[in-house]
C-alpha cells in the first residue's frame, strides 16, 4: 500500500481614561487682563499667558481622546470549510462509486456486506465533515475523526480487494497502463459525476480498480493532511493553550495601557504644575504693572494739581 501512496495528486494537501486632568487651572491667566493703559500689560498677559496654556492643553486632550479602545482579539481559528479539501472531493467520488457497486455486485451474497461497505465509504466522507466542523474548538477531535475516516476507507479498500480475489479477477498493478490512465484522469477530475457517468458500461473488475486507485489517492491525501495538523498542533498548541494565551495577552495589553495612562497622567500633572507656576508669575507681574500704573496716575494727578 505504501507504493500506491506516491501516485495521484497528493501534493495538493500539504480607554482613554486620563489626558485632560488638571490643565484647566492654567486658564486663570485671564484675570491678568484687567490692567490697562500700557501696551506692555496686554502683551504680557496675552502672548505669554493664556495662549501658551491653551497651546499646551490641546495636544494633551487630543492624545487622550484619539487613542483607540482596547478590545480583545478573537482566537478561534477559522476552519471548517471541508468542501475545499481535495481529500473530501475524493471521498465523494469513492462513495458514489461504492454505492453503485455494492447495490449491483454484492447483492448475490445476501448478507450485510452491502450495508457495511456503503456505511464504511460514508464514514470515510462524513467524518471529514464532522472533524473539520469541530476543528475550531478541538484539534484533538479533528485529528481523531480524520483518523476514523481514514480507517473506514481502508475497510472499503479491503472489500474491493476481497471481491477481486474471491472471483478470480485481476487487481491491476502500478505499472499497468490502465492504472496509469486512471491516475492521470483523476488528477483533474474530482467530481462524482466524472466517475458515475456511463458507470453501467464498466465491468466489475474495472470498477474495483478505479475505486482502489481513488482510495489510495485518498489515503495519501489524508496522510498529508494529518501530518500538517500534527505540526500545527505542535507549533500552535490546542484550543486550551490558545484560550490561555489569548486571555494572558489581553491582560498584558490592559496592564500596558494602564501603565501608559499613568505615565501620561504624571506628565500632565507636571505640566499643570508648571502652568500654575507660570500663571502665578504672570499675576505677580500684572500686580506690579497695576501698582506702577497707579503710581503714574498719582504722579500725573499731583503734577496737574501743582499746575
C-alpha atoms as a PDB file:
ATOM      1  CA  UNK A   1       0.000   0.000   0.000  1.00  0.00           C
ATOM      2  CA  UNK A   2       2.931   2.356   0.634  1.00  0.00           C
ATOM      3  CA  UNK A   3       3.776   2.256  -3.063  1.00  0.00           C
ATOM      4  CA  UNK A   4       0.266   3.351  -4.018  1.00  0.00           C
ATOM      5  CA  UNK A   5       0.502   6.450  -1.795  1.00  0.00           C
ATOM      6  CA  UNK A   6       3.004   8.069  -4.134  1.00  0.00           C
ATOM      7  CA  UNK A   7       0.574   8.349  -7.035  1.00  0.00           C
ATOM      8  CA  UNK A   8      -2.224  10.737  -7.925  1.00  0.00           C
ATOM      9  CA  UNK A   9      -2.495  14.332  -6.720  1.00  0.00           C
ATOM     10  CA  UNK A  10      -1.287  14.047  -3.118  1.00  0.00           C
ATOM     11  CA  UNK A  11       0.920  17.154  -3.395  1.00  0.00           C
ATOM     12  CA  UNK A  12      -2.139  19.417  -3.244  1.00  0.00           C
ATOM     13  CA  UNK A  13      -2.777  18.955   0.503  1.00  0.00           C
ATOM     14  CA  UNK A  14       0.064  19.507   2.120  1.00  0.00           C
ATOM     15  CA  UNK A  15      -9.513  53.793  27.396  1.00  0.00           C
ATOM     16  CA  UNK A  16      -8.959  56.945  27.146  1.00  0.00           C
ATOM     17  CA  UNK A  17      -9.293  57.415  30.960  1.00  0.00           C
ATOM     18  CA  UNK A  18      -6.947  60.353  31.560  1.00  0.00           C
ATOM     19  CA  UNK A  19      -5.421  63.000  29.383  1.00  0.00           C
ATOM     20  CA  UNK A  20      -7.382  66.113  30.393  1.00  0.00           C
ATOM     21  CA  UNK A  21      -6.689  66.217  34.149  1.00  0.00           C
ATOM     22  CA  UNK A  22      -5.789  69.445  35.837  1.00  0.00           C
ATOM     23  CA  UNK A  23      -4.823  71.704  32.936  1.00  0.00           C
ATOM     24  CA  UNK A  24      -7.898  73.920  33.254  1.00  0.00           C
ATOM     25  CA  UNK A  25      -6.294  75.868  36.083  1.00  0.00           C
ATOM     26  CA  UNK A  26      -3.936  77.438  33.585  1.00  0.00           C
ATOM     27  CA  UNK A  27      -6.784  79.443  32.154  1.00  0.00           C
ATOM     28  CA  UNK A  28      -6.685  81.618  35.275  1.00  0.00           C
ATOM     29  CA  UNK A  29      -4.339  83.974  33.452  1.00  0.00           C
ATOM     30  CA  UNK A  30      -7.398  85.722  32.015  1.00  0.00           C
ATOM     31  CA  UNK A  31      -7.670  87.643  35.281  1.00  0.00           C
ATOM     32  CA  UNK A  32      -4.457  89.465  34.471  1.00  0.00           C
ATOM     33  CA  UNK A  33      -6.045  91.358  31.576  1.00  0.00           C
ATOM     34  CA  UNK A  34      -7.617  93.901  33.942  1.00  0.00           C
ATOM     35  CA  UNK A  35      -4.559  96.180  33.645  1.00  0.00           C
ATOM     36  CA  UNK A  36      -4.884  98.945  31.056  1.00  0.00           C
ATOM     37  CA  UNK A  37      -3.033 101.990  29.955  1.00  0.00           C
ATOM     38  CA  UNK A  38       0.127 100.385  28.591  1.00  0.00           C
ATOM     39  CA  UNK A  39       0.860  98.039  25.758  1.00  0.00           C
ATOM     40  CA  UNK A  40       3.212  96.038  27.924  1.00  0.00           C
ATOM     41  CA  UNK A  41       0.442  94.708  30.088  1.00  0.00           C
ATOM     42  CA  UNK A  42      -1.569  93.265  27.230  1.00  0.00           C
ATOM     43  CA  UNK A  43       1.480  91.758  25.643  1.00  0.00           C
ATOM     44  CA  UNK A  44       2.491  90.030  28.828  1.00  0.00           C
ATOM     45  CA  UNK A  45      -0.910  88.604  29.575  1.00  0.00           C
ATOM     46  CA  UNK A  46      -1.994  87.786  26.040  1.00  0.00           C
ATOM     47  CA  UNK A  47       1.101  86.288  24.480  1.00  0.00           C
ATOM     48  CA  UNK A  48       2.811  84.582  27.397  1.00  0.00           C
ATOM     49  CA  UNK A  49      -0.188  83.622  29.463  1.00  0.00           C
ATOM     50  CA  UNK A  50      -3.454  82.368  28.134  1.00  0.00           C
ATOM     51  CA  UNK A  51      -2.379  81.371  24.619  1.00  0.00           C
ATOM     52  CA  UNK A  52       0.573  79.339  25.792  1.00  0.00           C
ATOM     53  CA  UNK A  53      -1.561  77.468  28.273  1.00  0.00           C
ATOM     54  CA  UNK A  54      -4.113  76.657  25.591  1.00  0.00           C
ATOM     55  CA  UNK A  55      -1.427  75.519  23.143  1.00  0.00           C
ATOM     56  CA  UNK A  56      -0.135  73.068  25.725  1.00  0.00           C
ATOM     57  CA  UNK A  57      -3.602  71.835  26.608  1.00  0.00           C
ATOM     58  CA  UNK A  58      -4.715  70.921  23.093  1.00  0.00           C
ATOM     59  CA  UNK A  59      -2.280  68.106  22.324  1.00  0.00           C
ATOM     60  CA  UNK A  60      -2.892  66.566  25.734  1.00  0.00           C
ATOM     61  CA  UNK A  61      -6.630  66.434  25.115  1.00  0.00           C
ATOM     62  CA  UNK A  62      -6.075  65.043  21.607  1.00  0.00           C
ATOM     63  CA  UNK A  63      -3.815  62.329  22.949  1.00  0.00           C
ATOM     64  CA  UNK A  64      -6.406  61.136  25.440  1.00  0.00           C
ATOM     65  CA  UNK A  65      -9.327  61.206  23.012  1.00  0.00           C
ATOM     66  CA  UNK A  66      -7.545  59.811  19.958  1.00  0.00           C
ATOM     67  CA  UNK A  67      -6.361  56.541  21.485  1.00  0.00           C
ATOM     68  CA  UNK A  68      -8.271  53.554  20.084  1.00  0.00           C
ATOM     69  CA  UNK A  69     -10.245  51.452  22.577  1.00  0.00           C
ATOM     70  CA  UNK A  70      -8.637  48.283  23.847  1.00  0.00           C
ATOM     71  CA  UNK A  71     -10.578  45.280  22.581  1.00  0.00           C
ATOM     72  CA  UNK A  72      -9.880  41.541  22.934  1.00  0.00           C
ATOM     73  CA  UNK A  73      -8.909  39.726  19.759  1.00  0.00           C
ATOM     74  CA  UNK A  74     -10.683  36.539  18.592  1.00  0.00           C
ATOM     75  CA  UNK A  75      -8.544  33.438  18.976  1.00  0.00           C
ATOM     76  CA  UNK A  76     -10.559  30.608  17.453  1.00  0.00           C
ATOM     77  CA  UNK A  77      -9.021  29.517  14.141  1.00  0.00           C
ATOM     78  CA  UNK A  78     -11.160  29.901  11.051  1.00  0.00           C
ATOM     79  CA  UNK A  79     -11.697  26.348   9.928  1.00  0.00           C
ATOM     80  CA  UNK A  80     -14.477  24.071   8.798  1.00  0.00           C
ATOM     81  CA  UNK A  81     -14.526  24.609   5.025  1.00  0.00           C
ATOM     82  CA  UNK A  82     -14.165  20.917   4.256  1.00  0.00           C
ATOM     83  CA  UNK A  83     -15.550  21.245   0.737  1.00  0.00           C
ATOM     84  CA  UNK A  84     -12.297  22.829  -0.433  1.00  0.00           C
ATOM     85  CA  UNK A  85     -10.258  19.818   0.702  1.00  0.00           C
ATOM     86  CA  UNK A  86      -9.166  17.605  -2.142  1.00  0.00           C
ATOM     87  CA  UNK A  87      -9.374  14.569   0.126  1.00  0.00           C
ATOM     88  CA  UNK A  88     -13.078  15.330   0.701  1.00  0.00           C
ATOM     89  CA  UNK A  89     -13.718  15.595  -3.022  1.00  0.00           C
ATOM     90  CA  UNK A  90     -12.072  12.195  -3.472  1.00  0.00           C
ATOM     91  CA  UNK A  91     -14.274  10.746  -0.708  1.00  0.00           C
ATOM     92  CA  UNK A  92     -17.417  11.839  -2.561  1.00  0.00           C
ATOM     93  CA  UNK A  93     -16.242  10.092  -5.718  1.00  0.00           C
ATOM     94  CA  UNK A  94     -15.421   6.915  -3.796  1.00  0.00           C
ATOM     95  CA  UNK A  95     -18.771   6.923  -2.002  1.00  0.00           C
ATOM     96  CA  UNK A  96     -20.816   7.268  -5.191  1.00  0.00           C
ATOM     97  CA  UNK A  97     -18.869   4.546  -6.985  1.00  0.00           C
ATOM     98  CA  UNK A  98     -19.111   2.270  -3.930  1.00  0.00           C
ATOM     99  CA  UNK A  99     -22.850   2.847  -3.544  1.00  0.00           C
ATOM    100  CA  UNK A 100     -23.423   1.776  -7.121  1.00  0.00           C
ATOM    101  CA  UNK A 101     -21.027  -1.157  -6.931  1.00  0.00           C
ATOM    102  CA  UNK A 102     -22.421  -2.532  -3.652  1.00  0.00           C
ATOM    103  CA  UNK A 103     -26.012  -2.464  -4.852  1.00  0.00           C
ATOM    104  CA  UNK A 104     -25.187  -4.113  -8.163  1.00  0.00           C
ATOM    105  CA  UNK A 105     -22.452  -6.642  -7.415  1.00  0.00           C
ATOM    106  CA  UNK A 106     -22.758  -7.556  -3.731  1.00  0.00           C
ATOM    107  CA  UNK A 107     -26.442  -8.484  -3.906  1.00  0.00           C
ATOM    108  CA  UNK A 108     -25.614 -12.070  -4.691  1.00  0.00           C
ATOM    109  CA  UNK A 109     -24.116 -12.587  -1.238  1.00  0.00           C
ATOM    110  CA  UNK A 110     -27.377 -11.796   0.555  1.00  0.00           C
ATOM    111  CA  UNK A 111     -25.614 -10.667   3.746  1.00  0.00           C
ATOM    112  CA  UNK A 112     -24.725  -7.417   5.447  1.00  0.00           C
ATOM    113  CA  UNK A 113     -21.820  -6.652   3.126  1.00  0.00           C
ATOM    114  CA  UNK A 114     -23.861  -4.122   1.132  1.00  0.00           C
ATOM    115  CA  UNK A 115     -24.731  -2.017   4.188  1.00  0.00           C
ATOM    116  CA  UNK A 116     -21.279  -2.419   5.707  1.00  0.00           C
ATOM    117  CA  UNK A 117     -19.307  -1.333   2.668  1.00  0.00           C
ATOM    118  CA  UNK A 118     -21.650   1.585   1.943  1.00  0.00           C
ATOM    119  CA  UNK A 119     -21.522   2.705   5.596  1.00  0.00           C
ATOM    120  CA  UNK A 120     -17.730   2.419   5.624  1.00  0.00           C
ATOM    121  CA  UNK A 121     -17.481   4.574   2.491  1.00  0.00           C
ATOM    122  CA  UNK A 122     -19.926   7.037   4.050  1.00  0.00           C
ATOM    123  CA  UNK A 123     -17.853   7.118   7.252  1.00  0.00           C
ATOM    124  CA  UNK A 124     -14.768   7.955   5.193  1.00  0.00           C
ATOM    125  CA  UNK A 125     -16.630  11.009   3.902  1.00  0.00           C
ATOM    126  CA  UNK A 126     -18.831  12.113   6.817  1.00  0.00           C
ATOM    127  CA  UNK A 127     -16.059  12.001   9.422  1.00  0.00           C
ATOM    128  CA  UNK A 128     -14.161  14.579   7.362  1.00  0.00           C
ATOM    129  CA  UNK A 129     -17.191  16.867   7.641  1.00  0.00           C
ATOM    130  CA  UNK A 130     -17.535  16.307  11.390  1.00  0.00           C
ATOM    131  CA  UNK A 131     -13.794  16.586  12.036  1.00  0.00           C
ATOM    132  CA  UNK A 132     -13.431  19.846  10.104  1.00  0.00           C
ATOM    133  CA  UNK A 133     -16.535  21.273  11.781  1.00  0.00           C
ATOM    134  CA  UNK A 134     -15.032  20.528  15.213  1.00  0.00           C
ATOM    135  CA  UNK A 135     -11.609  21.918  14.247  1.00  0.00           C
ATOM    136  CA  UNK A 136     -12.264  25.443  15.587  1.00  0.00           C
ATOM    137  CA  UNK A 137     -12.791  24.211  19.135  1.00  0.00           C
ATOM    138  CA  UNK A 138     -10.869  20.948  19.359  1.00  0.00           C
ATOM    139  CA  UNK A 139      -7.762  19.936  17.437  1.00  0.00           C
ATOM    140  CA  UNK A 140      -7.855  16.572  19.202  1.00  0.00           C
ATOM    141  CA  UNK A 141     -11.373  15.816  17.961  1.00  0.00           C
ATOM    142  CA  UNK A 142     -10.456  16.910  14.453  1.00  0.00           C
ATOM    143  CA  UNK A 143      -7.428  14.607  14.286  1.00  0.00           C
ATOM    144  CA  UNK A 144      -9.315  11.662  15.820  1.00  0.00           C
ATOM    145  CA  UNK A 145     -12.244  11.921  13.404  1.00  0.00           C
ATOM    146  CA  UNK A 146      -9.997  12.229  10.379  1.00  0.00           C
ATOM    147  CA  UNK A 147      -8.199   9.115  11.619  1.00  0.00           C
ATOM    148  CA  UNK A 148     -11.552   7.328  11.794  1.00  0.00           C
ATOM    149  CA  UNK A 149     -12.346   8.440   8.250  1.00  0.00           C
ATOM    150  CA  UNK A 150      -9.032   7.045   7.029  1.00  0.00           C
ATOM    151  CA  UNK A 151      -9.563   3.723   8.785  1.00  0.00           C
ATOM    152  CA  UNK A 152     -13.056   3.408   7.331  1.00  0.00           C
ATOM    153  CA  UNK A 153     -11.736   3.893   3.826  1.00  0.00           C
ATOM    154  CA  UNK A 154      -9.180   1.153   4.434  1.00  0.00           C
ATOM    155  CA  UNK A 155     -12.111  -1.112   5.231  1.00  0.00           C
ATOM    156  CA  UNK A 156     -13.674  -0.279   1.863  1.00  0.00           C
ATOM    157  CA  UNK A 157     -10.336  -0.978   0.188  1.00  0.00           C
ATOM    158  CA  UNK A 158     -10.268  -4.423   1.768  1.00  0.00           C
ATOM    159  CA  UNK A 159     -13.762  -5.180   0.459  1.00  0.00           C
ATOM    160  CA  UNK A 160     -12.773  -4.301  -3.112  1.00  0.00           C
ATOM    161  CA  UNK A 161      -9.602  -6.391  -2.904  1.00  0.00           C
ATOM    162  CA  UNK A 162     -11.586  -9.305  -1.469  1.00  0.00           C
ATOM    163  CA  UNK A 163     -14.100  -9.061  -4.305  1.00  0.00           C
ATOM    164  CA  UNK A 164     -11.389  -9.306  -6.951  1.00  0.00           C
ATOM    165  CA  UNK A 165      -9.536 -12.135  -5.233  1.00  0.00           C
ATOM    166  CA  UNK A 166     -12.572 -14.316  -4.464  1.00  0.00           C
ATOM    167  CA  UNK A 167     -13.840 -14.066  -8.021  1.00  0.00           C
ATOM    168  CA  UNK A 168     -10.578 -14.633  -9.762  1.00  0.00           C
ATOM    169  CA  UNK A 169     -10.468 -11.100 -11.136  1.00  0.00           C
ATOM    170  CA  UNK A 170      -7.279  -9.105 -11.625  1.00  0.00           C
ATOM    171  CA  UNK A 171      -6.098  -6.263  -9.416  1.00  0.00           C
ATOM    172  CA  UNK A 172      -4.156  -4.043 -11.770  1.00  0.00           C
ATOM    173  CA  UNK A 173      -0.539  -3.316 -10.872  1.00  0.00           C
ATOM    174  CA  UNK A 174       1.041   0.106 -10.652  1.00  0.00           C
ATOM    175  CA  UNK A 175       2.745  -0.420 -13.974  1.00  0.00           C
ATOM    176  CA  UNK A 176      -0.447  -1.425 -15.747  1.00  0.00           C
ATOM    177  CA  UNK A 177      -1.321   1.177 -18.418  1.00  0.00           C
ATOM    178  CA  UNK A 178      -4.913   1.098 -17.225  1.00  0.00           C
ATOM    179  CA  UNK A 179      -3.819   2.092 -13.693  1.00  0.00           C
ATOM    180  CA  UNK A 180      -1.727   4.939 -15.048  1.00  0.00           C
ATOM    181  CA  UNK A 181      -4.685   6.062 -17.147  1.00  0.00           C
ATOM    182  CA  UNK A 182      -6.896   6.220 -14.041  1.00  0.00           C
ATOM    183  CA  UNK A 183      -4.199   8.143 -12.152  1.00  0.00           C
ATOM    184  CA  UNK A 184      -3.841  10.716 -14.890  1.00  0.00           C
ATOM    185  CA  UNK A 185      -7.601  11.093 -15.264  1.00  0.00           C
ATOM    186  CA  UNK A 186      -8.144  11.531 -11.503  1.00  0.00           C
ATOM    187  CA  UNK A 187      -5.580  14.350 -11.275  1.00  0.00           C
ATOM    188  CA  UNK A 188      -8.010  16.716 -12.992  1.00  0.00           C
ATOM    189  CA  UNK A 189     -11.339  15.044 -12.321  1.00  0.00           C
ATOM    190  CA  UNK A 190     -12.654  15.201  -8.752  1.00  0.00           C
ATOM    191  CA  UNK A 191     -16.428  15.299  -9.202  1.00  0.00           C
ATOM    192  CA  UNK A 192     -18.574  12.212  -8.544  1.00  0.00           C
ATOM    193  CA  UNK A 193     -20.230  12.539 -11.958  1.00  0.00           C
ATOM    194  CA  UNK A 194     -16.833  12.107 -13.592  1.00  0.00           C
ATOM    195  CA  UNK A 195     -16.896   8.505 -12.412  1.00  0.00           C
ATOM    196  CA  UNK A 196     -20.592   7.634 -12.376  1.00  0.00           C
ATOM    197  CA  UNK A 197     -21.181   8.696 -15.970  1.00  0.00           C
ATOM    198  CA  UNK A 198     -21.671   5.531 -18.024  1.00  0.00           C
ATOM    199  CA  UNK A 199     -20.806   3.502 -14.919  1.00  0.00           C
ATOM    200  CA  UNK A 200     -23.158   0.754 -16.009  1.00  0.00           C
ATOM    201  CA  UNK A 201     -20.959   0.138 -19.047  1.00  0.00           C
ATOM    202  CA  UNK A 202     -17.902  -0.757 -16.970  1.00  0.00           C
ATOM    203  CA  UNK A 203     -17.041  -4.236 -15.797  1.00  0.00           C
ATOM    204  CA  UNK A 204     -16.858  -5.164 -12.084  1.00  0.00           C
ATOM    205  CA  UNK A 205     -13.098  -5.564 -12.437  1.00  0.00           C
ATOM    206  CA  UNK A 206     -12.690  -2.070 -13.897  1.00  0.00           C
ATOM    207  CA  UNK A 207     -14.916  -0.509 -11.246  1.00  0.00           C
ATOM    208  CA  UNK A 208     -12.989  -2.227  -8.458  1.00  0.00           C
ATOM    209  CA  UNK A 209      -9.656  -0.996  -9.797  1.00  0.00           C
ATOM    210  CA  UNK A 210     -10.969   2.539 -10.301  1.00  0.00           C
ATOM    211  CA  UNK A 211     -12.191   2.580  -6.696  1.00  0.00           C
ATOM    212  CA  UNK A 212      -8.918   1.092  -5.416  1.00  0.00           C
ATOM    213  CA  UNK A 213      -6.875   3.765  -7.200  1.00  0.00           C
ATOM    214  CA  UNK A 214      -9.093   6.526  -5.797  1.00  0.00           C
ATOM    215  CA  UNK A 215      -8.825   5.076  -2.279  1.00  0.00           C
ATOM    216  CA  UNK A 216      -5.016   5.019  -2.443  1.00  0.00           C
ATOM    217  CA  UNK A 217      -5.043   8.659  -3.544  1.00  0.00           C
ATOM    218  CA  UNK A 218      -7.464   9.455  -0.701  1.00  0.00           C
ATOM    219  CA  UNK A 219      -5.148   7.710   1.765  1.00  0.00           C
ATOM    220  CA  UNK A 220      -2.125   9.663   0.543  1.00  0.00           C
ATOM    221  CA  UNK A 221      -4.002  12.971   0.819  1.00  0.00           C
ATOM    222  CA  UNK A 222      -5.337  12.116   4.264  1.00  0.00           C
ATOM    223  CA  UNK A 223      -1.850  11.201   5.458  1.00  0.00           C
ATOM    224  CA  UNK A 224      -0.522  14.574   4.321  1.00  0.00           C
ATOM    225  CA  UNK A 225      -3.434  16.391   5.976  1.00  0.00           C
ATOM    226  CA  UNK A 226      -2.912  14.591   9.290  1.00  0.00           C
ATOM    227  CA  UNK A 227       0.835  15.316   9.189  1.00  0.00           C
ATOM    228  CA  UNK A 228       0.103  19.027   8.692  1.00  0.00           C
ATOM    229  CA  UNK A 229      -2.437  19.069  11.545  1.00  0.00           C
ATOM    230  CA  UNK A 230       0.065  17.406  13.862  1.00  0.00           C
ATOM    231  CA  UNK A 231       2.671  20.059  13.027  1.00  0.00           C
ATOM    232  CA  UNK A 232       0.089  22.818  13.574  1.00  0.00           C
ATOM    233  CA  UNK A 233      -0.723  21.342  16.988  1.00  0.00           C
ATOM    234  CA  UNK A 234       2.946  21.159  17.998  1.00  0.00           C
ATOM    235  CA  UNK A 235       3.615  24.749  16.843  1.00  0.00           C
ATOM    236  CA  UNK A 236       0.373  26.454  17.954  1.00  0.00           C
ATOM    237  CA  UNK A 237      -0.995  24.169  20.676  1.00  0.00           C
ATOM    238  CA  UNK A 238      -4.563  23.081  21.246  1.00  0.00           C
ATOM    239  CA  UNK A 239      -7.631  25.186  21.969  1.00  0.00           C
ATOM    240  CA  UNK A 240      -6.937  25.336  25.736  1.00  0.00           C
ATOM    241  CA  UNK A 241      -3.465  26.707  25.178  1.00  0.00           C
ATOM    242  CA  UNK A 242      -4.830  29.218  22.666  1.00  0.00           C
ATOM    243  CA  UNK A 243      -7.542  30.290  25.144  1.00  0.00           C
ATOM    244  CA  UNK A 244      -4.948  30.804  27.896  1.00  0.00           C
ATOM    245  CA  UNK A 245      -2.604  32.675  25.563  1.00  0.00           C
ATOM    246  CA  UNK A 246      -5.443  34.926  24.364  1.00  0.00           C
ATOM    247  CA  UNK A 247      -6.508  35.737  27.947  1.00  0.00           C
ATOM    248  CA  UNK A 248      -2.940  36.426  29.121  1.00  0.00           C
ATOM    249  CA  UNK A 249      -2.272  38.514  26.021  1.00  0.00           C
ATOM    250  CA  UNK A 250      -5.342  40.666  26.681  1.00  0.00           C
ATOM    251  CA  UNK A 251      -4.394  41.118  30.346  1.00  0.00           C
ATOM    252  CA  UNK A 252      -0.885  42.169  29.339  1.00  0.00           C
ATOM    253  CA  UNK A 253      -2.377  44.662  26.886  1.00  0.00           C
ATOM    254  CA  UNK A 254      -4.548  46.044  29.702  1.00  0.00           C
ATOM    255  CA  UNK A 255      -1.547  46.405  32.003  1.00  0.00           C
ATOM    256  CA  UNK A 256       0.407  48.138  29.243  1.00  0.00           C
ATOM    257  CA  UNK A 257      -2.460  50.554  28.597  1.00  0.00           C
ATOM    258  CA  UNK A 258      -2.794  51.332  32.330  1.00  0.00           C
ATOM    259  CA  UNK A 259       0.946  51.980  32.634  1.00  0.00           C
ATOM    260  CA  UNK A 260       0.776  54.243  29.581  1.00  0.00           C
ATOM    261  CA  UNK A 261      -2.149  56.218  31.024  1.00  0.00           C
ATOM    262  CA  UNK A 262      -0.464  56.525  34.431  1.00  0.00           C
ATOM    263  CA  UNK A 263       2.712  57.892  32.809  1.00  0.00           C
ATOM    264  CA  UNK A 264       0.624  60.326  30.763  1.00  0.00           C
ATOM    265  CA  UNK A 265      -1.210  61.429  33.915  1.00  0.00           C
ATOM    266  CA  UNK A 266       2.098  62.102  35.709  1.00  0.00           C
ATOM    267  CA  UNK A 267       3.282  64.167  32.728  1.00  0.00           C
ATOM    268  CA  UNK A 268       0.005  66.115  32.670  1.00  0.00           C
ATOM    269  CA  UNK A 269       0.239  66.814  36.390  1.00  0.00           C
ATOM    270  CA  UNK A 270       3.784  68.133  35.960  1.00  0.00           C
ATOM    271  CA  UNK A 271       2.638  70.221  33.002  1.00  0.00           C
ATOM    272  CA  UNK A 272      -0.267  71.574  35.046  1.00  0.00           C
ATOM    273  CA  UNK A 273       2.046  72.458  37.951  1.00  0.00           C
ATOM    274  CA  UNK A 274       4.345  74.340  35.556  1.00  0.00           C
ATOM    275  CA  UNK A 275       1.377  76.231  34.099  1.00  0.00           C
ATOM    276  CA  UNK A 276       0.141  77.146  37.579  1.00  0.00           C
ATOM    277  CA  UNK A 277       3.599  78.458  38.473  1.00  0.00           C
ATOM    278  CA  UNK A 278       3.696  80.463  35.235  1.00  0.00           C
ATOM    279  CA  UNK A 279       0.209  81.780  35.958  1.00  0.00           C
ATOM    280  CA  UNK A 280       1.260  82.876  39.472  1.00  0.00           C
ATOM    281  CA  UNK A 281       4.278  84.683  37.985  1.00  0.00           C
ATOM    282  CA  UNK A 282       2.046  86.427  35.451  1.00  0.00           C
ATOM    283  CA  UNK A 283      -0.349  87.501  38.213  1.00  0.00           C
ATOM    284  CA  UNK A 284       2.563  88.916  40.202  1.00  0.00           C
ATOM    285  CA  UNK A 285       3.818  90.762  37.089  1.00  0.00           C
ATOM    286  CA  UNK A 286       0.309  92.083  36.463  1.00  0.00           C
ATOM    287  CA  UNK A 287       0.025  93.287  40.065  1.00  0.00           C
ATOM    288  CA  UNK A 288       3.378  95.082  39.717  1.00  0.00           C
ATOM    289  CA  UNK A 289       2.160  96.724  36.493  1.00  0.00           C
ATOM    290  CA  UNK A 290      -1.051  97.831  38.182  1.00  0.00           C
ATOM    291  CA  UNK A 291       0.965  99.339  41.035  1.00  0.00           C
ATOM    292  CA  UNK A 292       3.187 101.164  38.514  1.00  0.00           C
ATOM    293  CA  UNK A 293       0.114 102.493  36.651  1.00  0.00           C
ATOM    294  CA  UNK A 294      -1.389 103.643  39.921  1.00  0.00           C
ATOM    295  CA  UNK A 295       1.871 105.397  40.803  1.00  0.00           C
ATOM    296  CA  UNK A 296       1.969 107.073  37.356  1.00  0.00           C
ATOM    297  CA  UNK A 297      -1.640 108.218  37.707  1.00  0.00           C
ATOM    298  CA  UNK A 298      -0.873 109.582  41.175  1.00  0.00           C
ATOM    299  CA  UNK A 299       2.143 111.468  39.845  1.00  0.00           C
ATOM    300  CA  UNK A 300       0.131 112.902  36.939  1.00  0.00           C
ATOM    301  CA  UNK A 301      -2.605 113.979  39.338  1.00  0.00           C
ATOM    302  CA  UNK A 302      -0.049 115.624  41.610  1.00  0.00           C
ATOM    303  CA  UNK A 303       1.605 117.493  38.754  1.00  0.00           C
ATOM    304  CA  UNK A 304      -1.783 118.613  37.473  1.00  0.00           C
ATOM    305  CA  UNK A 305      -2.626 119.949  40.884  1.00  0.00           C
ATOM    306  CA  UNK A 306       0.610 121.875  41.023  1.00  0.00           C
ATOM    307  CA  UNK A 307      -0.036 123.372  37.608  1.00  0.00           C
END
